C-alpha atoms as a PDB file:
ATOM      1  CA  HIS A   1       0.990  -2.612  -7.829  1.00  0.00           C
ATOM      2  CA  TYR A   2       0.709  -5.354  -5.206  1.00  0.00           C
ATOM      3  CA  THR A   3       3.565  -3.783  -3.278  1.00  0.00           C
ATOM      4  CA  ASN A   4       1.911  -0.398  -3.437  1.00  0.00           C
ATOM      5  CA  ILE A   5      -1.211  -1.755  -1.849  1.00  0.00           C
ATOM      6  CA  LEU A   6       0.682  -4.026   0.506  1.00  0.00           C
ATOM      7  CA  ALA A   7       2.618  -1.129   1.922  1.00  0.00           C
ATOM      8  CA  HIS A   8      -0.422   0.465   3.608  1.00  0.00           C
ATOM      9  CA  PRO A   9      -2.976  -1.900   5.360  1.00  0.00           C
ATOM     10  CA  ASN A  10      -3.413  -1.295   9.085  1.00  0.00           C
ATOM     11  CA  SER A  11      -5.711  -2.201  11.909  1.00  0.00           C
ATOM     12  CA  SER A  12      -5.258  -2.250  15.663  1.00  0.00           C
ATOM     13  CA  HIS A  13      -6.762  -5.001  17.741  1.00  0.00           C
ATOM     14  CA  VAL A  14      -5.750  -4.767  21.397  1.00  0.00           C
ATOM     15  CA  THR A  15      -7.205  -2.314  23.887  1.00  0.00           C
ATOM     16  CA  HIS A  16      -4.643   0.011  25.425  1.00  0.00           C
ATOM     17  CA  SER A  17      -5.144   2.423  28.272  1.00  0.00           C
ATOM     18  CA  LEU A  18      -4.615   5.740  26.531  1.00  0.00           C
ATOM     19  CA  ALA A  19      -5.305   9.125  28.035  1.00  0.00           C
ATOM     20  CA  THR A  20      -8.030  11.145  26.329  1.00  0.00           C
ATOM     21  CA  PRO A  21      -6.476  14.284  24.776  1.00  0.00           C
ATOM     22  CA  LYS A  22      -7.353  17.468  26.577  1.00  0.00           C
ATOM     23  CA  GLY A  23      -8.802  20.528  24.914  1.00  0.00           C
ATOM     24  CA  LYS A  24     -10.405  18.824  21.928  1.00  0.00           C
ATOM     25  CA  VAL A  25     -11.404  21.209  19.212  1.00  0.00           C
ATOM     26  CA  ALA A  26     -15.091  21.984  18.726  1.00  0.00           C
ATOM     27  CA  SER A  27     -15.169  20.305  15.310  1.00  0.00           C
ATOM     28  CA  GLN A  28     -14.520  16.866  16.817  1.00  0.00           C
ATOM     29  CA  LYS A  29     -17.409  14.489  17.393  1.00  0.00           C
ATOM     30  CA  ILE A  30     -17.748  10.964  18.714  1.00  0.00           C
ATOM     31  CA  MET A  31     -16.861   8.478  15.985  1.00  0.00           C
ATOM     32  CA  SER A  32     -19.469   5.855  15.108  1.00  0.00           C
ATOM     33  CA  ASP A  33     -18.625   2.374  13.823  1.00  0.00           C
ATOM     34  CA  GLU A  34     -19.723   3.456  10.339  1.00  0.00           C
ATOM     35  CA  GLU A  35     -17.381   6.457  10.416  1.00  0.00           C
ATOM     36  CA  LEU A  36     -14.491   4.267  11.577  1.00  0.00           C
ATOM     37  CA  GLN A  37     -15.152   1.927   8.656  1.00  0.00           C
ATOM     38  CA  GLU A  38     -15.287   4.909   6.282  1.00  0.00           C
ATOM     39  CA  LEU A  39     -11.927   6.063   7.626  1.00  0.00           C
ATOM     40  CA  LYS A  40     -10.371   2.639   7.076  1.00  0.00           C
ATOM     41  CA  ASP A  41     -11.887   2.283   3.607  1.00  0.00           C
ATOM     42  CA  ASN A  42     -10.514   5.648   2.506  1.00  0.00           C
ATOM     43  CA  PHE A  43      -7.113   4.736   3.894  1.00  0.00           C
ATOM     44  CA  TYR A  44      -6.940   1.408   2.077  1.00  0.00           C
ATOM     45  CA  CYS A  45      -8.122   3.066  -1.153  1.00  0.00           C
ATOM     46  CA  GLY A  46      -5.113   5.386  -0.986  1.00  0.00           C
ATOM     47  CA  ASN A  47      -6.943   8.573   0.040  1.00  0.00           C
ATOM     48  CA  PHE A  48      -4.327   9.397   2.637  1.00  0.00           C
ATOM     49  CA  GLN A  49      -4.926  13.146   2.969  1.00  0.00           C
ATOM     50  CA  LYS A  50      -8.650  12.543   3.312  1.00  0.00           C
ATOM     51  CA  ALA A  51      -8.096   9.774   5.871  1.00  0.00           C
ATOM     52  CA  LEU A  52      -5.721  12.013   7.817  1.00  0.00           C
ATOM     53  CA  ALA A  53      -8.371  14.736   7.987  1.00  0.00           C
ATOM     54  CA  LEU A  54     -10.922  12.182   9.226  1.00  0.00           C
ATOM     55  CA  CYS A  55      -8.514  11.011  11.922  1.00  0.00           C
ATOM     56  CA  GLU A  56      -8.121  14.566  13.148  1.00  0.00           C
ATOM     57  CA  SER A  57     -11.803  15.508  13.045  1.00  0.00           C
ATOM     58  CA  LEU A  58     -13.400  12.554  14.822  1.00  0.00           C
ATOM     59  CA  SER A  59     -13.077  11.493  18.448  1.00  0.00           C
ATOM     60  CA  PRO A  60     -13.059   7.701  19.047  1.00  0.00           C
ATOM     61  CA  ALA A  61     -15.681   6.425  21.461  1.00  0.00           C
ATOM     62  CA  ASP A  62     -13.390   4.068  23.415  1.00  0.00           C
ATOM     63  CA  ASP A  63      -9.750   3.098  23.942  1.00  0.00           C
ATOM     64  CA  LEU A  64      -9.866   0.372  21.305  1.00  0.00           C
ATOM     65  CA  ALA A  65     -11.099   2.727  18.579  1.00  0.00           C
ATOM     66  CA  GLN A  66      -8.785   5.485  19.806  1.00  0.00           C
ATOM     67  CA  ASN A  67      -5.767   3.214  19.464  1.00  0.00           C
ATOM     68  CA  GLU A  68      -6.826   2.167  15.956  1.00  0.00           C
ATOM     69  CA  VAL A  69      -7.380   5.755  14.820  1.00  0.00           C
ATOM     70  CA  LYS A  70      -4.017   6.858  16.204  1.00  0.00           C
ATOM     71  CA  ALA A  71      -2.322   4.031  14.349  1.00  0.00           C
ATOM     72  CA  LEU A  72      -4.143   4.934  11.128  1.00  0.00           C
ATOM     73  CA  LEU A  73      -3.115   8.559  11.533  1.00  0.00           C
ATOM     74  CA  ALA A  74       0.506   7.459  11.789  1.00  0.00           C
ATOM     75  CA  ARG A  75       0.139   5.252   8.711  1.00  0.00           C
ATOM     76  CA  CYS A  76      -1.273   8.244   6.805  1.00  0.00           C
ATOM     77  CA  CYS A  77       1.807  10.227   7.804  1.00  0.00           C
ATOM     78  CA  LEU A  78       3.955   7.338   6.579  1.00  0.00           C
ATOM     79  CA  ALA A  79       2.191   7.184   3.213  1.00  0.00           C
ATOM     80  CA  ILE A  80       2.009  10.931   2.433  1.00  0.00           C
ATOM     81  CA  PRO A  81       4.844  11.166   3.869  1.00  0.00           C
ATOM     82  CA  LEU A  82       5.099  13.465   6.908  1.00  0.00           C
ATOM     83  CA  PHE A  83       8.345  12.377   8.518  1.00  0.00           C
ATOM     84  CA  ASP A  84       8.497  15.234  11.038  1.00  0.00           C
ATOM     85  CA  ARG A  85       5.198  14.118  12.554  1.00  0.00           C
ATOM     86  CA  LEU A  86       6.367  10.505  12.616  1.00  0.00           C
ATOM     87  CA  LYS A  87       9.560  11.484  14.411  1.00  0.00           C
ATOM     88  CA  ALA A  88       7.439  12.899  17.232  1.00  0.00           C
ATOM     89  CA  MET A  89       5.655   9.542  17.564  1.00  0.00           C
ATOM     90  CA  GLN A  90       8.747   7.559  18.567  1.00  0.00           C
ATOM     91  CA  ASN A  91       7.723   7.657  22.245  1.00  0.00           C
ATOM     92  CA  SER A  92       3.952   7.521  21.709  1.00  0.00           C
ATOM     93  CA  GLN A  93       1.837   5.408  24.045  1.00  0.00           C
ATOM     94  CA  CYS A  94       0.233   3.887  20.949  1.00  0.00           C
ATOM     95  CA  PRO A  95       2.229   0.880  19.638  1.00  0.00           C
ATOM     96  CA  GLY A  96       0.904   1.475  16.125  1.00  0.00           C
ATOM     97  CA  GLN A  97       2.407   4.977  16.125  1.00  0.00           C
ATOM     98  CA  GLN A  98       5.746   3.728  17.464  1.00  0.00           C
ATOM     99  CA  ALA A  99       5.750   1.066  14.750  1.00  0.00           C
ATOM    100  CA  ALA A 100       5.081   3.648  12.031  1.00  0.00           C
ATOM    101  CA  ALA A 101       7.965   5.765  13.348  1.00  0.00           C
ATOM    102  CA  CYS A 102      10.239   2.711  13.111  1.00  0.00           C
ATOM    103  CA  MET A 103       9.003   2.013   9.597  1.00  0.00           C
ATOM    104  CA  ALA A 104       9.770   5.590   8.560  1.00  0.00           C
ATOM    105  CA  PHE A 105      13.336   5.147   9.766  1.00  0.00           C
ATOM    106  CA  ILE A 106      13.661   1.839   7.901  1.00  0.00           C
ATOM    107  CA  LEU A 107      12.476   3.442   4.666  1.00  0.00           C
ATOM    108  CA  LYS A 108      14.366   6.716   4.995  1.00  0.00           C
ATOM    109  CA  SER A 109      17.738   5.845   6.509  1.00  0.00           C
ATOM    110  CA  GLN A 110      20.670   5.402   4.135  1.00  0.00           C
ATOM    111  CA  LYS A 111      22.733   3.412   6.668  1.00  0.00           C
ATOM    112  CA  GLU A 112      22.172  -0.326   6.904  1.00  0.00           C
ATOM    113  CA  GLU A 113      23.218  -0.405  10.570  1.00  0.00           C
ATOM    114  CA  GLN A 114      20.553   2.139  11.488  1.00  0.00           C
ATOM    115  CA  ARG A 115      17.910   0.292   9.487  1.00  0.00           C
ATOM    116  CA  ALA A 116      18.859  -2.931  11.290  1.00  0.00           C
ATOM    117  CA  VAL A 117      18.381  -1.247  14.671  1.00  0.00           C
ATOM    118  CA  ALA A 118      14.954   0.052  13.608  1.00  0.00           C
ATOM    119  CA  LYS A 119      13.931  -3.400  12.331  1.00  0.00           C
ATOM    120  CA  GLU A 120      14.949  -4.978  15.630  1.00  0.00           C
ATOM    121  CA  LYS A 121      12.979  -2.382  17.573  1.00  0.00           C
ATOM    122  CA  LEU A 122       9.919  -2.982  15.381  1.00  0.00           C
ATOM    123  CA  SER A 123      10.202  -6.757  15.833  1.00  0.00           C
ATOM    124  CA  LYS A 124      10.446  -6.371  19.607  1.00  0.00           C
ATOM    125  CA  LEU A 125       7.520  -3.941  19.654  1.00  0.00           C
ATOM    126  CA  ALA A 126       5.296  -6.351  17.717  1.00  0.00           C
ATOM    127  CA  ALA A 127       6.243  -9.288  19.942  1.00  0.00           C
ATOM    128  CA  GLU A 128       5.839  -7.505  23.277  1.00  0.00           C
ATOM    129  CA  THR A 129       2.692  -5.456  22.650  1.00  0.00           C
ATOM    130  CA  HIS A 130       0.741  -8.012  20.561  1.00  0.00           C
ATOM    131  CA  ASP A 131      -0.608  -4.993  18.695  1.00  0.00           C
ATOM    132  CA  VAL A 132      -1.903  -5.936  15.255  1.00  0.00           C
ATOM    133  CA  GLY A 133      -0.867  -2.593  13.723  1.00  0.00           C
ATOM    134  CA  ALA A 134       2.726  -3.111  14.852  1.00  0.00           C
ATOM    135  CA  ALA A 135       2.567  -6.765  13.770  1.00  0.00           C
ATOM    136  CA  MET A 136       1.346  -5.761  10.309  1.00  0.00           C
ATOM    137  CA  LEU A 137       4.254  -3.386   9.731  1.00  0.00           C
ATOM    138  CA  HIS A 138       6.660  -6.020  11.026  1.00  0.00           C
ATOM    139  CA  THR A 139       5.123  -8.514   8.590  1.00  0.00           C
ATOM    140  CA  ILE A 140       5.633  -6.074   5.720  1.00  0.00           C
ATOM    141  CA  VAL A 141       9.299  -5.627   6.678  1.00  0.00           C
ATOM    142  CA  LEU A 142       9.758  -9.406   6.718  1.00  0.00           C
ATOM    143  CA  ALA A 143       8.283  -9.576   3.215  1.00  0.00           C
ATOM    144  CA  MET A 144      10.478  -6.702   2.029  1.00  0.00           C
ATOM    145  CA  ASP A 145      13.516  -8.640   3.271  1.00  0.00           C
ATOM    146  CA  GLY A 146      12.417 -11.793   1.452  1.00  0.00           C
ATOM    147  CA  SER A 147      11.382 -13.746   4.561  1.00  0.00           C
ATOM    148  CA  TRP A 148       8.100 -14.772   2.963  1.00  0.00           C
ATOM    149  CA  ASN A 149       7.382 -17.902   5.014  1.00  0.00           C
ATOM    150  CA  GLU A 150       7.916 -16.073   8.285  1.00  0.00           C
ATOM    151  CA  ALA A 151       5.764 -13.185   7.063  1.00  0.00           C
ATOM    152  CA  LEU A 152       2.920 -15.519   6.062  1.00  0.00           C
ATOM    153  CA  GLN A 153       3.063 -17.209   9.466  1.00  0.00           C
ATOM    154  CA  GLU A 154       2.808 -13.792  11.113  1.00  0.00           C
ATOM    155  CA  THR A 155      -0.462 -13.068   9.288  1.00  0.00           C
ATOM    156  CA  LYS A 156      -2.023 -16.168  10.855  1.00  0.00           C
ATOM    157  CA  THR A 157      -1.412 -14.800  14.360  1.00  0.00           C
ATOM    158  CA  TYR A 158      -3.895 -11.947  13.868  1.00  0.00           C
ATOM    159  CA  PRO A 159      -6.866 -13.118  11.751  1.00  0.00           C
ATOM    160  CA  THR A 160      -8.266  -9.639  11.106  1.00  0.00           C
ATOM    161  CA  LEU A 161      -9.688  -8.784   7.699  1.00  0.00           C
ATOM    162  CA  GLU A 162      -6.811  -6.407   6.954  1.00  0.00           C
ATOM    163  CA  MET A 163      -4.168  -8.970   7.910  1.00  0.00           C
ATOM    164  CA  GLN A 164      -5.947 -11.565   5.757  1.00  0.00           C
ATOM    165  CA  ALA A 165      -5.838  -9.112   2.839  1.00  0.00           C
ATOM    166  CA  LEU A 166      -2.117  -8.620   3.401  1.00  0.00           C
ATOM    167  CA  CYS A 167      -1.697 -12.403   3.281  1.00  0.00           C
ATOM    168  CA  VAL A 168      -3.475 -12.475  -0.106  1.00  0.00           C
ATOM    169  CA  PHE A 169      -1.141  -9.821  -1.531  1.00  0.00           C
ATOM    170  CA  MET A 170       1.925 -11.667  -0.287  1.00  0.00           C
ATOM    171  CA  CYS A 171       0.709 -14.909  -1.877  1.00  0.00           C
ATOM    172  CA  LEU A 172       0.319 -13.056  -5.168  1.00  0.00           C
ATOM    173  CA  SER A 173       3.785 -11.529  -4.815  1.00  0.00           C
ATOM    174  CA  CYS A 174       5.155 -15.085  -4.470  1.00  0.00           C
ATOM    175  CA  HIS A 175       3.114 -16.241  -7.511  1.00  0.00           C
ATOM    176  CA  GLN A 176       1.064 -18.557  -5.305  1.00  0.00           C
ATOM    177  CA  TYR A 177      -2.202 -17.855  -7.084  1.00  0.00           C
ATOM    178  CA  ASN A 178      -4.133 -20.899  -5.846  1.00  0.00           C
ATOM    179  CA  MET A 179      -3.194 -20.089  -2.273  1.00  0.00           C
ATOM    180  CA  ALA A 180      -4.257 -16.465  -2.796  1.00  0.00           C
ATOM    181  CA  GLU A 181      -7.663 -17.656  -4.021  1.00  0.00           C
ATOM    182  CA  ARG A 182      -8.044 -19.874  -0.948  1.00  0.00           C
ATOM    183  CA  LYS A 183      -7.092 -17.046   1.403  1.00  0.00           C
ATOM    184  CA  LEU A 184      -9.568 -14.749  -0.359  1.00  0.00           C
ATOM    185  CA  ALA A 185     -12.303 -17.358   0.085  1.00  0.00           C
ATOM    186  CA  GLU A 186     -11.516 -17.410   3.812  1.00  0.00           C
ATOM    187  CA  MET A 187     -12.093 -13.653   3.929  1.00  0.00           C
ATOM    188  CA  ALA A 188     -15.493 -13.854   2.248  1.00  0.00           C
ATOM    189  CA  GLY A 189     -18.593 -13.314   4.344  1.00  0.00           C
ATOM    190  CA  ASN A 190     -16.871 -11.206   7.004  1.00  0.00           C
ATOM    191  CA  ASN A 191     -17.205  -7.736   5.473  1.00  0.00           C
ATOM    192  CA  ASP A 192     -17.379  -8.083   1.703  1.00  0.00           C
ATOM    193  CA  ASP A 193     -18.205  -4.379   1.273  1.00  0.00           C
ATOM    194  CA  SER A 194     -14.945  -3.273   2.882  1.00  0.00           C
ATOM    195  CA  ALA A 195     -12.206  -1.788   0.732  1.00  0.00           C
ATOM    196  CA  ALA A 196      -9.680  -4.276   2.111  1.00  0.00           C
ATOM    197  CA  TYR A 197     -11.677  -7.257   0.839  1.00  0.00           C
ATOM    198  CA  ARG A 198     -12.551  -5.677  -2.514  1.00  0.00           C
ATOM    199  CA  LEU A 199      -8.938  -4.659  -3.193  1.00  0.00           C
ATOM    200  CA  ALA A 200      -7.744  -8.174  -2.393  1.00  0.00           C
ATOM    201  CA  MET A 201     -10.432  -9.591  -4.686  1.00  0.00           C
ATOM    202  CA  ALA A 202      -9.461  -7.242  -7.528  1.00  0.00           C
ATOM    203  CA  ALA A 203      -5.797  -8.208  -7.196  1.00  0.00           C
ATOM    204  CA  VAL A 204      -6.684 -11.904  -7.355  1.00  0.00           C
ATOM    205  CA  LYS A 205      -8.860 -11.278 -10.421  1.00  0.00           C
ATOM    206  CA  LEU A 206      -5.938  -9.528 -12.120  1.00  0.00           C
ATOM    207  CA  ALA A 207      -3.603 -12.396 -11.328  1.00  0.00           C
ATOM    208  CA  THR A 208      -6.001 -15.134 -12.450  1.00  0.00           C
ATOM    209  CA  GLY A 209      -7.128 -13.728 -15.771  1.00  0.00           C
ATOM    210  CA  ASP A 210     -10.273 -11.724 -15.059  1.00  0.00           C
ATOM    211  CA  PRO A 211      -9.182  -8.102 -15.659  1.00  0.00           C
ATOM    212  CA  GLU A 212     -12.720  -7.004 -16.553  1.00  0.00           C
ATOM    213  CA  GLU A 213     -14.001  -7.785 -13.048  1.00  0.00           C
ATOM    214  CA  ALA A 214     -10.920  -6.162 -11.492  1.00  0.00           C
ATOM    215  CA  TYR A 215     -11.457  -3.009 -13.565  1.00  0.00           C
ATOM    216  CA  LEU A 216     -15.083  -2.747 -12.474  1.00  0.00           C
ATOM    217  CA  THR A 217     -14.063  -3.113  -8.825  1.00  0.00           C
ATOM    218  CA  TYR A 218     -11.502  -0.312  -9.097  1.00  0.00           C
ATOM    219  CA  CYS A 219     -14.098   1.887 -10.824  1.00  0.00           C
ATOM    220  CA  ASP A 220     -16.668   1.207  -8.092  1.00  0.00           C
ATOM    221  CA  LEU A 221     -14.154   2.053  -5.368  1.00  0.00           C
ATOM    222  CA  SER A 222     -13.140   5.251  -7.186  1.00  0.00           C
ATOM    223  CA  THR A 223     -16.772   6.344  -7.336  1.00  0.00           C
ATOM    224  CA  GLN A 224     -17.527   5.407  -3.747  1.00  0.00           C
ATOM    225  CA  PHE A 225     -14.324   6.862  -2.277  1.00  0.00           C
ATOM    226  CA  PRO A 226     -13.145   9.910  -4.269  1.00  0.00           C
ATOM    227  CA  PRO A 227      -9.860  11.393  -3.008  1.00  0.00           C
ATOM    228  CA  ASP A 228     -11.517  14.680  -2.018  1.00  0.00           C
ATOM    229  CA  GLN A 229     -14.922  15.469  -0.605  1.00  0.00           C
ATOM    230  CA  GLY A 230     -17.081  16.580  -3.509  1.00  0.00           C
ATOM    231  CA  GLY A 231     -14.289  15.705  -5.936  1.00  0.00           C
ATOM    232  CA  ASP A 232     -14.421  14.058  -9.341  1.00  0.00           C
ATOM    233  CA  SER A 233     -15.903  10.618  -8.752  1.00  0.00           C
ATOM    234  CA  GLU A 234     -14.513   9.467 -12.105  1.00  0.00           C
ATOM    235  CA  THR A 235     -10.908   9.856 -10.941  1.00  0.00           C
ATOM    236  CA  GLY A 236      -9.739   7.757  -8.015  1.00  0.00           C
ATOM    237  CA  SER A 237      -6.603   7.805  -5.932  1.00  0.00           C
ATOM    238  CA  VAL A 238      -3.170   7.081  -7.378  1.00  0.00           C
ATOM    239  CA  LEU A 239      -3.515   3.512  -6.119  1.00  0.00           C
ATOM    240  CA  LEU A 240      -6.927   2.932  -7.720  1.00  0.00           C
ATOM    241  CA  GLU A 241      -6.043   4.570 -11.045  1.00  0.00           C
ATOM    242  CA  THR A 242      -2.911   2.416 -11.205  1.00  0.00           C
ATOM    243  CA  GLY A 243      -5.108  -0.621 -10.645  1.00  0.00           C
ATOM    244  CA  LYS A 244      -7.437   0.463 -13.441  1.00  0.00           C
ATOM    245  CA  ALA A 245      -4.442   0.921 -15.732  1.00  0.00           C
ATOM    246  CA  LEU A 246      -3.195  -2.591 -14.974  1.00  0.00           C
ATOM    247  CA  ALA A 247      -6.617  -4.034 -15.747  1.00  0.00           C
ATOM    248  CA  ASN A 248      -6.756  -2.120 -19.030  1.00  0.00           C
ATOM    249  CA  MET A 249      -3.269  -3.307 -19.992  1.00  0.00           C
ATOM    250  CA  GLN A 250      -4.309  -6.913 -19.390  1.00  0.00           C
ATOM    251  CA  ARG A 251      -7.269  -6.282 -21.702  1.00  0.00           C
ATOM    252  CA  GLY A 252      -4.905  -4.926 -24.361  1.00  0.00           C
ATOM    253  CA  MET A 253      -6.306  -1.407 -23.956  1.00  0.00           C
ATOM    254  CA  PHE A 254      -2.992   0.442 -23.676  1.00  0.00           C
ATOM    255  CA  THR A 255      -4.333   3.827 -24.785  1.00  0.00           C
ATOM    256  CA  GLU A 256      -6.936   3.758 -22.014  1.00  0.00           C
ATOM    257  CA  ALA A 257      -4.330   2.517 -19.527  1.00  0.00           C
ATOM    258  CA  LEU A 258      -2.069   5.425 -20.430  1.00  0.00           C
ATOM    259  CA  GLU A 259      -4.950   7.830 -19.874  1.00  0.00           C
ATOM    260  CA  ASP A 260      -5.557   6.339 -16.415  1.00  0.00           C
ATOM    261  CA  LEU A 261      -1.927   6.809 -15.444  1.00  0.00           C
ATOM    262  CA  LEU A 262      -1.637  10.324 -16.863  1.00  0.00           C
ATOM    263  CA  LYS A 263      -4.551  11.406 -14.648  1.00  0.00           C
ATOM    264  CA  VAL A 264      -2.502  10.791 -11.523  1.00  0.00           C
ATOM    265  CA  ALA A 265       1.092  11.185 -12.750  1.00  0.00           C
ATOM    266  CA  PRO A 266       1.145  14.908 -11.803  1.00  0.00           C
ATOM    267  CA  LEU A 267      -0.038  13.971  -8.287  1.00  0.00           C
ATOM    268  CA  ALA A 268       2.700  11.358  -7.804  1.00  0.00           C
ATOM    269  CA  PRO A 269       5.525  12.184 -10.228  1.00  0.00           C
ATOM    270  CA  ASN A 270       8.015   9.917  -8.446  1.00  0.00           C
ATOM    271  CA  ASP A 271       5.703   6.984  -7.711  1.00  0.00           C
ATOM    272  CA  PRO A 272       7.534   3.868  -8.980  1.00  0.00           C
ATOM    273  CA  ASP A 273       4.326   1.972  -9.777  1.00  0.00           C
ATOM    274  CA  VAL A 274       3.043   4.840 -11.900  1.00  0.00           C
ATOM    275  CA  LEU A 275       6.393   5.269 -13.670  1.00  0.00           C
ATOM    276  CA  VAL A 276       7.009   1.597 -14.422  1.00  0.00           C
ATOM    277  CA  ASN A 277       3.506   1.192 -15.834  1.00  0.00           C
ATOM    278  CA  LEU A 278       3.937   4.352 -17.916  1.00  0.00           C
ATOM    279  CA  CYS A 279       7.042   2.666 -19.330  1.00  0.00           C
ATOM    280  CA  CYS A 280       5.003  -0.440 -20.150  1.00  0.00           C
ATOM    281  CA  CYS A 281       2.232   1.536 -21.834  1.00  0.00           C
ATOM    282  CA  THR A 282       4.543   3.679 -23.936  1.00  0.00           C
ATOM    283  CA  THR A 283       6.517   0.598 -25.005  1.00  0.00           C
ATOM    284  CA  ASN A 284       3.384  -1.134 -26.245  1.00  0.00           C
ATOM    285  CA  LEU A 285       2.178   2.029 -27.971  1.00  0.00           C
ATOM    286  CA  GLY A 286       5.539   2.594 -29.681  1.00  0.00           C
ATOM    287  CA  LYS A 287       6.113   5.930 -27.958  1.00  0.00           C
ATOM    288  CA  LYS A 288       9.899   5.653 -27.692  1.00  0.00           C
ATOM    289  CA  GLU A 289      10.553   9.250 -26.644  1.00  0.00           C
ATOM    290  CA  GLU A 290       8.020   9.113 -23.831  1.00  0.00           C
ATOM    291  CA  PHE A 291       9.343   5.705 -22.760  1.00  0.00           C
ATOM    292  CA  ASN A 292      12.878   7.082 -22.450  1.00  0.00           C
ATOM    293  CA  GLN A 293      11.529  10.017 -20.445  1.00  0.00           C
ATOM    294  CA  TYR A 294       9.699   7.835 -17.927  1.00  0.00           C
ATOM    295  CA  LEU A 295      12.559   5.341 -17.668  1.00  0.00           C
ATOM    296  CA  ALA A 296      15.020   8.156 -16.975  1.00  0.00           C
ATOM    297  CA  LYS A 297      12.727   9.469 -14.251  1.00  0.00           C
ATOM    298  CA  LEU A 298      12.455   5.992 -12.726  1.00  0.00           C
ATOM    299  CA  GLU A 299      16.257   5.591 -12.808  1.00  0.00           C
ATOM    300  CA  GLN A 300      16.652   8.961 -11.112  1.00  0.00           C
ATOM    301  CA  THR A 301      14.127   8.437  -8.336  1.00  0.00           C
ATOM    302  CA  ASN A 302      14.337   4.649  -7.841  1.00  0.00           C
ATOM    303  CA  PRO A 303      17.758   3.480  -9.078  1.00  0.00           C
ATOM    304  CA  THR A 304      17.431   0.039  -7.432  1.00  0.00           C
ATOM    305  CA  HIS A 305      13.962  -0.705  -8.833  1.00  0.00           C
ATOM    306  CA  PRO A 306      13.929  -4.196 -10.455  1.00  0.00           C
ATOM    307  CA  PHE A 307      12.712  -2.722 -13.761  1.00  0.00           C
ATOM    308  CA  VAL A 308      15.687  -0.338 -13.823  1.00  0.00           C
ATOM    309  CA  VAL A 309      18.195  -3.011 -12.840  1.00  0.00           C
ATOM    310  CA  LYS A 310      16.920  -5.436 -15.467  1.00  0.00           C
ATOM    311  CA  SER A 311      16.759  -2.756 -18.171  1.00  0.00           C
ATOM    312  CA  LYS A 312      20.387  -1.802 -17.541  1.00  0.00           C
ATOM    313  CA  SER A 313      21.483  -5.438 -17.738  1.00  0.00           C
ATOM    314  CA  LEU A 314      19.922  -6.099 -21.158  1.00  0.00           C
ATOM    315  CA  PRO A 315      22.779  -4.612 -23.264  1.00  0.00           C
ATOM    316  CA  ASP A 316      25.248  -6.922 -21.500  1.00  0.00           C
ATOM    317  CA  VAL A 317      22.986  -9.902 -22.123  1.00  0.00           C
ATOM    318  CA  PHE A 318      22.815  -9.169 -25.859  1.00  0.00           C
ATOM    319  CA  ALA A 319      26.553  -8.516 -25.975  1.00  0.00           C
ATOM    320  CA  ARG A 320      27.289 -11.913 -24.400  1.00  0.00           C
ATOM    321  CA  PHE A 321      24.861 -13.575 -26.803  1.00  0.00           C
ATOM    322  CA  ALA A 322      26.514 -11.916 -29.803  1.00  0.00           C
ATOM    323  CA  ALA A 323      29.934 -12.944 -28.538  1.00  0.00           C
ATOM    324  CA  SER A 324      28.761 -16.538 -28.154  1.00  0.00           C
ATOM    325  CA  LEU A 325      27.793 -16.638 -31.845  1.00  0.00           C
ATOM    326  CA  THR A 326      31.292 -15.720 -32.987  1.00  0.00           C
ATOM    327  CA  ALA A 327      33.146 -17.840 -30.442  1.00  0.00           C
END
């Protein structure tokens, strides 16, 4: 779940001289600060289609906001995903869009040499442009490669709320719970109503034994930011429903957790976080047939997932143990 959230935060910080698009459609209007915050909140809550529509319907008031919106649009394309649109962004004037195009190549390419070239380009882009959106994606790649110390140092370079939230998630991924609590405390008082802060807080609550508070936060975000305009406020995005399921599992409420996951499983049938938590729920509920079904799906779609790798190794572990008893 932390990885799922970690894979999406974005914010751009440096003003770039970008040409205003010609021939704007009549439906566009000047974006206010409140609308920009709404766009970011929907993005961080996992409402990527909704955030994409907001990006395309609102016109930023200045170059700084325009650069941030363009970067968010690219991150929406990365999350949905829309690889054809990302391919067209390789030569964009917006560093955040170039960075997203690099990230798409890193995630999609099957050749290690090509991924290495894309990682080098992303690293160079982040260093030369000092763009926080590019730096954030570079930080995520460092974390994905296991360079946690370097990634944490990178978050200190750009003390934005979103980068601070990313730092919290990385601390949790490294099981540094006290450090995560300290980093969360540093975020407090800046914009405590933002989705970035509330998601970081919920993750810390999950990790430190307060699943009730985490569950309430996910419920509040689901109500405040439904995936579709006028949609069911009781059902949140795949990300938020997965968070609710985790909180319910920590409370021992596996039936309710399964219900949370089944709400969004049809929307994201190959999502590894949904599948691995479906495996956990069905195991605890003794639903062996359903467990085998979800595990097979996870093996098919994510063969290198740690849960799959460890599950496949268990028979060998028991075989070696049995052999040691008769040796």
